Each structure stands twice: as structure tokens, then as C-alpha cells.
Amino acid sequence: MNRLGIMAGGLVMLAALCSCSAVIQGGPLSGEMDPNSHFTQCIDIKRGDVVVDGFNTVPNSGKQVAVVDKVAFADPVGLRQIAAYIIPDNGELYGDLTGYPPNGDHQPAPPGLDWGARQNAAGARIPPTPGGGPPKGPNVQLMAVAQSSGDKASEQGINVWYHVGDQHYHLRTPVTMIAVVDGTGQTC
């Protein structure tokens, strides 16, 4: 092969690499989420409890379907993720609680949570949300379920990797969860 052929092949490969889209932070599932605002939910657990992070919404403010590729806790300690769901929700959020959803060890799920329409998060298709989500329209909830171990379990939000068409996005939710074994009277 001559030098001109090698250079042409190299230019074709370089053009192909440059045409790849970079991962963008946030995107249409970030809604009104302020990436700089964080808050912490504290719950009491028993070692081995199933815990639910159900304080995250991901309404699709875009014009195309968003497809979730992967969901994982950010910096988990003492938590093993066992499930993650995308759930239509016309009411209040599920919350950070113990027990497997939708009823758990605490109470029935809020009436607006459409548990029957849940999708496994990986591969879930989130159509554009009318009104872009609350307060103008319905909501879409992201719920992660984990098994706890040890005396303290925590995570620093939930990472969501997704795409719309050929564009890939990463979103990190701003809700931190801390679970303490027999944590009565303890503060997080």
C-alpha cells in the first residue's frame, strides 16, 4: 500500500472518530433539576433490609423518546442494587423507604404511582412528558431498589446513562440516601 492510501485511510478513520457524539451531562431527562442542589434523605434500617431510593424524577422535556441504557448508584457503600424502575407517576413521590415496592414495610404506594406500568430502567423508553413534568404535567419516577449490608449504607445519588437518537447523556440525581442500622436518635 502506498503512502497516499495510508494517509487517506487515516483521514477516513479520523473523520469517523470525530463524528462520534460526546456524552452530554443532564439532557432532556434532567428537567428542572439543579445539578448544584443536593439534599439528603435519612432512614433507619435493619442489616439486610431492602431499601428504596424513590425520590427522583426524570420527566422527558425533549421532543423524542429517551432510552435508558444503564442506572447505577453513585458511590454506594453497603448497598447492592437489585432493581431499578421507571414508573409513570401522577402523584407524590414514593420516597426513600424500606421494603420491596410497591407496598414495602411501611404503607401502600401513593395512589398516583402506576406500578403496573413500570419498566425495568435499563432499556426503558421514556416518551416526551406532557408539560415537561411537574407542576404542569405528569411525572416519571426513577426508583432504585437495593439490599443493605453493614451498619450504615449510603449512596450519593443515582447515575443514569441514556440516549435520544444518536446523542448520549449522563444524569446524576441530586438526592443522597443514608441508611443507619438502629439509627433511632442518630442524625445523618
Protein backbone atom coordinates (compact mmCIF):
# COMPACT_ATOMS: atom_id res chain seq x y z
CA MET A 1 0.00 0.00 0.00
CA ASN A 2 1.39 3.42 -0.88
CA ARG A 3 1.70 6.44 1.40
CA LEU A 4 -1.26 8.22 -0.19
CA GLY A 5 -3.52 5.22 0.51
CA ILE A 6 -2.35 5.07 4.13
CA MET A 7 -2.94 8.82 4.60
CA ALA A 8 -6.39 8.60 3.03
CA GLY A 9 -7.29 5.64 5.28
CA GLY A 10 -6.04 7.58 8.32
CA LEU A 11 -8.13 10.62 7.39
CA VAL A 12 -11.24 8.45 6.99
CA MET A 13 -10.68 6.93 10.44
CA LEU A 14 -10.05 10.36 11.98
CA ALA A 15 -13.27 11.71 10.45
CA ALA A 16 -15.20 8.72 11.79
CA LEU A 17 -13.82 9.23 15.30
CA CYS A 18 -14.58 12.95 15.25
CA SER A 19 -18.17 12.33 14.18
CA CYS A 20 -18.89 10.36 17.38
CA SER A 21 -21.05 12.36 19.74
CA ALA A 22 -19.71 13.12 23.19
CA VAL A 23 -21.71 12.28 26.29
CA ILE A 24 -23.56 15.39 27.44
CA GLN A 25 -24.33 15.96 31.13
CA GLY A 26 -28.02 16.37 32.03
CA GLY A 27 -30.08 16.50 28.87
CA PRO A 28 -33.85 16.22 28.42
CA LEU A 29 -34.36 13.94 31.46
CA SER A 30 -32.84 16.48 33.85
CA GLY A 31 -35.95 18.67 33.71
CA GLU A 32 -35.83 21.41 36.31
CA MET A 33 -33.13 19.56 38.27
CA ASP A 34 -30.44 21.91 39.53
CA PRO A 35 -27.16 19.95 39.41
CA ASN A 36 -25.77 22.11 42.23
CA SER A 37 -28.62 21.45 44.66
CA HIS A 38 -28.34 18.32 46.77
CA PHE A 39 -30.33 17.03 49.71
CA THR A 40 -30.06 14.00 51.94
CA GLN A 41 -32.74 11.50 53.00
CA CYS A 42 -32.04 9.55 56.19
CA ILE A 43 -33.79 6.28 57.06
CA ASP A 44 -33.47 3.65 59.82
CA ILE A 45 -32.84 0.10 58.67
CA LYS A 46 -32.04 -3.36 59.94
CA ARG A 47 -29.00 -5.08 58.47
CA GLY A 48 -30.06 -6.83 55.26
CA ASP A 49 -33.15 -4.67 54.69
CA VAL A 50 -34.31 -3.89 51.19
CA VAL A 51 -34.14 -0.12 50.76
CA VAL A 52 -35.70 2.02 48.06
CA ASP A 53 -34.47 5.32 46.67
CA GLY A 54 -37.71 6.68 45.27
CA PHE A 55 -37.18 10.44 45.44
CA ASN A 56 -36.05 11.01 41.84
CA THR A 57 -37.98 12.20 38.82
CA VAL A 58 -36.91 12.01 35.18
CA PRO A 59 -39.60 13.67 33.05
CA ASN A 60 -38.61 13.94 29.38
CA SER A 61 -38.69 17.60 28.36
CA GLY A 62 -37.46 16.76 24.86
CA LYS A 63 -39.38 16.04 21.66
CA GLN A 64 -38.15 12.45 21.12
CA VAL A 65 -38.23 9.23 23.13
CA ALA A 66 -35.31 8.87 25.56
CA VAL A 67 -33.98 5.32 26.08
CA VAL A 68 -32.27 4.46 29.37
CA ASP A 69 -29.06 2.49 28.89
CA LYS A 70 -27.92 1.96 32.47
CA VAL A 71 -28.76 3.00 36.04
CA ALA A 72 -26.35 2.68 38.97
CA PHE A 73 -25.90 4.18 42.42
CA ALA A 74 -23.25 6.90 42.66
CA ASP A 75 -20.58 5.95 45.22
CA PRO A 76 -22.58 3.21 47.01
CA VAL A 77 -21.43 2.00 50.43
CA GLY A 78 -23.13 -1.08 51.93
CA LEU A 79 -25.72 -1.26 49.12
CA ARG A 80 -26.13 -3.85 46.36
CA GLN A 81 -28.54 -2.66 43.67
CA ILE A 82 -31.10 -5.37 42.90
CA ALA A 83 -33.52 -3.48 40.64
CA ALA A 84 -34.24 -0.12 39.06
CA TYR A 85 -37.52 1.03 37.52
CA ILE A 86 -39.02 3.84 35.51
CA ILE A 87 -42.62 4.41 36.65
CA PRO A 88 -45.35 6.80 35.48
CA ASP A 89 -46.47 8.89 38.43
CA ASN A 90 -49.30 11.39 38.70
CA GLY A 91 -48.96 11.94 42.43
CA GLU A 92 -46.40 12.29 45.15
CA LEU A 93 -43.04 10.56 45.08
CA TYR A 94 -42.59 7.10 46.61
CA GLY A 95 -39.78 8.21 48.92
CA ASP A 96 -36.72 6.60 50.47
CA LEU A 97 -38.09 3.71 52.48
CA THR A 98 -37.51 0.10 53.49
CA GLY A 99 -39.20 -2.94 51.98
CA TYR A 100 -39.74 -4.02 48.39
CA PRO A 101 -42.08 -1.73 46.42
CA PRO A 102 -44.85 -1.03 45.81
CA ASN A 103 -46.05 -1.62 49.38
CA GLY A 104 -42.87 -2.20 51.34
CA ASP A 105 -42.82 -2.41 55.10
CA HIS A 106 -44.40 0.98 55.59
CA GLN A 107 -47.56 1.77 53.68
CA PRO A 108 -49.25 1.34 50.33
CA ALA A 109 -47.68 3.20 47.43
CA PRO A 110 -49.05 6.68 46.72
CA PRO A 111 -52.22 6.43 44.60
CA GLY A 112 -50.69 8.23 41.60
CA LEU A 113 -47.85 5.72 41.24
CA ASP A 114 -48.73 3.45 38.30
CA TRP A 115 -46.80 0.37 39.46
CA GLY A 116 -48.44 -1.81 36.80
CA ALA A 117 -46.90 0.34 34.05
CA ARG A 118 -43.34 0.18 35.44
CA GLN A 119 -40.44 -0.66 33.15
CA ASN A 120 -37.06 -2.06 34.10
CA ALA A 121 -34.84 1.00 33.95
CA ALA A 122 -32.27 -0.47 31.56
CA GLY A 123 -33.98 -0.33 28.17
CA ALA A 124 -36.90 1.78 29.42
CA ARG A 125 -38.37 4.12 26.84
CA ILE A 126 -39.47 7.50 28.21
CA PRO A 127 -41.65 9.41 25.76
CA PRO A 128 -41.85 13.19 25.88
CA THR A 129 -43.65 14.14 29.09
CA PRO A 130 -46.67 16.45 28.54
CA GLY A 131 -45.98 19.79 30.17
CA GLY A 132 -42.37 18.69 30.77
CA GLY A 133 -43.32 17.13 34.10
CA PRO A 134 -44.50 18.77 37.33
CA PRO A 135 -46.03 21.16 38.06
CA LYS A 136 -47.52 21.44 34.56
CA GLY A 137 -47.87 17.77 33.69
CA PRO A 138 -47.49 14.15 34.82
CA ASN A 139 -44.29 12.85 36.31
CA VAL A 140 -41.90 9.99 35.56
CA GLN A 141 -40.24 8.44 38.61
CA LEU A 142 -36.87 6.71 38.79
CA MET A 143 -36.77 4.14 41.60
CA ALA A 144 -33.71 2.11 42.62
CA VAL A 145 -34.01 -0.88 44.96
CA ALA A 146 -31.04 -2.25 46.93
CA GLN A 147 -30.10 -4.78 49.60
CA SER A 148 -28.28 -3.24 52.57
CA SER A 149 -25.33 -4.69 54.44
CA GLY A 150 -23.32 -3.43 57.38
CA ASP A 151 -24.27 -0.84 59.99
CA LYS A 152 -24.50 2.05 57.56
CA ALA A 153 -25.45 2.20 53.91
CA SER A 154 -25.33 5.22 51.64
CA GLU A 155 -25.27 6.47 48.08
CA GLN A 156 -24.58 9.87 46.60
CA GLY A 157 -27.37 9.94 44.02
CA ILE A 158 -28.21 7.78 41.02
CA ASN A 159 -26.31 7.81 37.74
CA VAL A 160 -28.50 7.48 34.65
CA TRP A 161 -26.94 6.92 31.23
CA TYR A 162 -29.38 7.30 28.34
CA HIS A 163 -29.67 8.32 24.73
CA VAL A 164 -32.01 10.18 22.42
CA GLY A 165 -31.35 9.17 18.84
CA ASP A 166 -27.55 9.11 18.43
CA GLN A 167 -26.88 11.58 21.27
CA HIS A 168 -25.80 10.08 24.61
CA TYR A 169 -26.36 11.70 28.00
CA HIS A 170 -25.41 11.21 31.64
CA LEU A 171 -27.53 12.44 34.53
CA ARG A 172 -26.71 12.23 38.24
CA THR A 173 -29.67 12.79 40.53
CA PRO A 174 -29.13 15.21 43.44
CA VAL A 175 -30.71 13.07 46.20
CA THR A 176 -28.35 11.33 48.64
CA MET A 177 -29.63 8.49 50.81
CA ILE A 178 -28.12 7.44 54.14
CA ALA A 179 -29.48 4.40 55.98
CA VAL A 180 -28.40 3.64 59.56
CA VAL A 181 -28.92 0.34 61.43
CA ASP A 182 -30.90 1.01 64.62
CA GLY A 183 -30.33 4.67 63.93
CA THR A 184 -33.03 5.93 66.31
CA GLY A 185 -32.00 9.30 67.57
CA GLN A 186 -28.98 9.48 65.27
CA THR A 187 -28.58 12.25 62.77
CA CYS A 188 -27.12 11.84 59.36
